[in-house]
Protein backbone atom coordinates (compact mmCIF):
# COMPACT_ATOMS: atom_id res chain seq x y z
CA UNK A 1 -0.08 0.19 -0.10
CA UNK A 2 1.57 3.36 -1.21
CA UNK A 3 2.29 5.53 2.18
CA UNK A 4 -0.19 8.20 1.43
CA UNK A 5 -3.09 5.81 1.53
CA UNK A 6 -2.20 4.56 4.73
CA UNK A 7 -2.39 7.97 6.16
CA UNK A 8 -5.93 8.02 4.53
CA UNK A 9 -6.44 4.64 6.44
CA UNK A 10 -5.82 5.22 9.93
CA UNK A 11 -7.53 8.37 10.44
CA UNK A 12 -10.95 6.85 9.24
CA UNK A 13 -10.09 3.99 11.42
CA UNK A 14 -10.03 6.00 14.46
CA UNK A 15 -13.02 8.13 13.60
CA UNK A 16 -14.77 4.83 13.46
CA UNK A 17 -13.84 3.74 16.78
CA UNK A 18 -14.45 7.19 18.27
CA UNK A 19 -18.27 7.34 16.46
CA UNK A 20 -18.79 3.68 18.24
CA UNK A 21 -17.53 4.70 21.87
CA UNK A 22 -20.16 4.58 24.67
CA UNK A 23 -21.67 7.77 25.92
CA UNK A 24 -22.57 8.65 29.79
CA UNK A 25 -26.15 10.07 30.19
CA UNK A 26 -26.10 13.84 31.48
CA UNK A 27 -26.70 14.39 35.00
CA UNK A 28 -25.03 14.60 38.23
CA UNK A 29 -21.47 13.18 38.78
CA UNK A 30 -20.36 12.23 42.60
CA UNK A 31 -17.09 10.34 43.12
CA UNK A 32 -14.35 9.55 41.17
CA UNK A 33 -14.31 10.22 37.24
CA UNK A 34 -17.09 8.02 35.31
CA UNK A 35 -15.56 5.74 32.47
CA UNK A 36 -17.37 5.39 29.60
CA UNK A 37 -18.73 1.76 28.75
CA UNK A 38 -21.92 -0.05 28.18
CA UNK A 39 -24.53 0.38 31.22
CA UNK A 40 -26.74 -2.69 32.23
CA UNK A 41 -29.84 -2.76 34.05
CA UNK A 42 -29.43 -4.08 37.94
CA UNK A 43 -31.89 -6.66 36.70
CA UNK A 44 -29.38 -7.96 34.27
CA UNK A 45 -26.80 -8.29 36.74
CA UNK A 46 -29.11 -10.07 38.59
CA UNK A 47 -30.05 -12.65 36.68
CA UNK A 48 -27.11 -13.81 35.97
CA UNK A 49 -24.94 -12.22 38.44
CA UNK A 50 -20.94 -14.53 38.17
CA UNK A 51 -19.75 -13.00 34.77
CA UNK A 52 -19.89 -9.24 36.03
CA UNK A 53 -17.50 -10.12 39.93
CA UNK A 54 -14.69 -8.94 39.96
CA UNK A 55 -14.76 -6.38 37.48
CA UNK A 56 -15.64 -2.48 37.36
CA UNK A 57 -18.98 -2.23 35.88
CA UNK A 58 -21.62 0.59 35.07
CA UNK A 59 -25.37 -0.37 36.61
CA UNK A 60 -28.34 1.96 35.84
CA UNK A 61 -31.18 1.31 38.54
CA UNK A 62 -33.20 3.80 40.65
CA UNK A 63 -32.30 4.76 44.25
CA UNK A 64 -34.50 3.58 46.59
CA UNK A 65 -33.32 4.59 49.75
CA UNK A 66 -30.05 6.30 51.21
CA UNK A 67 -28.55 6.87 54.23
CA UNK A 68 -29.52 10.40 55.80
CA UNK A 69 -27.21 10.33 58.47
CA UNK A 70 -23.91 10.41 56.11
CA UNK A 71 -24.68 9.55 52.69
CA UNK A 72 -22.74 6.36 52.97
CA UNK A 73 -24.62 3.88 51.44
CA UNK A 74 -27.88 3.63 48.89
CA UNK A 75 -30.20 0.99 47.67
CA UNK A 76 -30.73 0.21 44.38
CA UNK A 77 -33.66 -1.26 42.63
CA UNK A 78 -34.48 -2.70 39.25
CA UNK A 79 -37.30 -4.93 38.53
CA UNK A 80 -38.10 -5.69 42.13
CA UNK A 81 -34.39 -6.69 42.36
CA UNK A 82 -32.83 -4.69 45.17
CA UNK A 83 -28.90 -3.78 46.25
CA UNK A 84 -26.96 -2.39 48.42
CA UNK A 85 -24.42 0.35 47.57
CA UNK A 86 -21.62 1.54 49.85
CA UNK A 87 -18.43 3.94 48.58
CA UNK A 88 -15.24 1.78 48.41
CA UNK A 89 -13.83 4.71 50.44
CA UNK A 90 -16.21 3.87 53.65
CA UNK A 91 -18.63 5.17 55.91
CA UNK A 92 -17.38 9.04 56.24
CA UNK A 93 -14.79 8.75 53.12
CA UNK A 94 -14.48 11.18 50.34
CA UNK A 95 -18.06 10.93 48.87
CA UNK A 96 -21.45 10.85 50.11
CA UNK A 97 -24.44 10.14 48.42
CA UNK A 98 -27.19 12.80 47.49
CA UNK A 99 -29.59 12.71 50.68
CA UNK A 100 -32.39 13.39 47.83
CA UNK A 101 -31.20 10.61 45.62
CA UNK A 102 -34.29 8.45 46.57
CA UNK A 103 -36.36 7.82 43.58
CA UNK A 104 -34.22 8.89 40.47
CA UNK A 105 -32.34 6.75 38.15
CA UNK A 106 -28.59 6.50 38.84
CA UNK A 107 -25.51 4.83 37.01
CA UNK A 108 -23.39 3.48 39.79
CA UNK A 109 -19.65 3.03 38.49
CA UNK A 110 -18.24 -0.35 40.79
CA UNK A 111 -17.90 -3.63 41.28
CA UNK A 112 -20.82 -6.44 42.39
CA UNK A 113 -20.36 -9.20 44.95
CA UNK A 114 -22.87 -11.17 46.71
CA UNK A 115 -23.39 -10.13 50.49
CA UNK A 116 -24.93 -11.26 53.90
CA UNK A 117 -25.56 -8.88 56.47
CA UNK A 118 -24.68 -9.37 60.06
CA UNK A 119 -27.92 -8.44 62.29
CA UNK A 120 -25.92 -5.65 63.74
CA UNK A 121 -25.40 -4.24 60.06
CA UNK A 122 -28.81 -4.56 59.30
CA UNK A 123 -30.33 -2.85 62.37
CA UNK A 124 -27.94 -0.02 61.35
CA UNK A 125 -28.92 0.33 58.14
CA UNK A 126 -32.95 0.10 58.89
CA UNK A 127 -32.10 2.67 61.16
CA UNK A 128 -30.51 4.81 58.72
CA UNK A 129 -33.38 4.05 56.12
CA UNK A 130 -36.74 4.83 57.72
CA UNK A 131 -39.33 2.43 58.73
CA UNK A 132 -40.87 2.52 54.79
CA UNK A 133 -37.52 0.97 53.26
CA UNK A 134 -37.15 -2.68 53.55
CA UNK A 135 -33.27 -3.97 53.22
CA UNK A 136 -32.79 -7.79 52.52
CA UNK A 137 -30.25 -9.76 54.77
CA UNK A 138 -29.07 -11.29 51.82
CA UNK A 139 -28.27 -10.23 48.23
CA UNK A 140 -25.67 -7.93 46.64
CA UNK A 141 -23.54 -5.08 47.21
CA UNK A 142 -21.83 -2.78 44.95
CA UNK A 143 -18.22 -1.12 46.15
CA UNK A 144 -18.95 2.23 44.43
CA UNK A 145 -16.21 4.36 43.20
CA UNK A 146 -18.86 6.91 41.30
CA UNK A 147 -22.30 7.49 40.69
CA UNK A 148 -24.38 9.44 38.26
CA UNK A 149 -27.56 10.70 39.07
CA UNK A 150 -29.15 11.02 35.60
CA UNK A 151 -31.29 13.63 34.31
CA UNK A 152 -32.92 10.94 31.64
CA UNK A 153 -32.54 6.98 32.35
CA UNK A 154 -29.93 5.74 30.08
CA UNK A 155 -32.07 2.48 28.77
């Protein structure tokens, strides 16, 4: 291939790659920088969770409850499935979930793993969530590095 042709092919390939790169929805970001990638629903993760373990992913769901004391955790729901989300920096760490996030769609950046809450943790979370929130003893938890409170759902 003549050198001038190679100069035309490379930019075309770069433009094609940029055109297919995932984009994030608009919204309020909290935490570390969000890395664009495919956004999956929490229902998809819950249906077959093992392929998602040990990876950083973007998961969309609805926030249903949030810690009103320090913003250190929130609960998400998608198609009747729930999970807890906590900051990877811990309670009282670098970031806090917005106190008014319940009822809004969020994209969580983090890793997911199965969890069984101790009776003490369960009682603590229920006390911070309020009377109307059901927090299950077993399920999944996200170790979040960032969230995006979306203006419009990504799905």
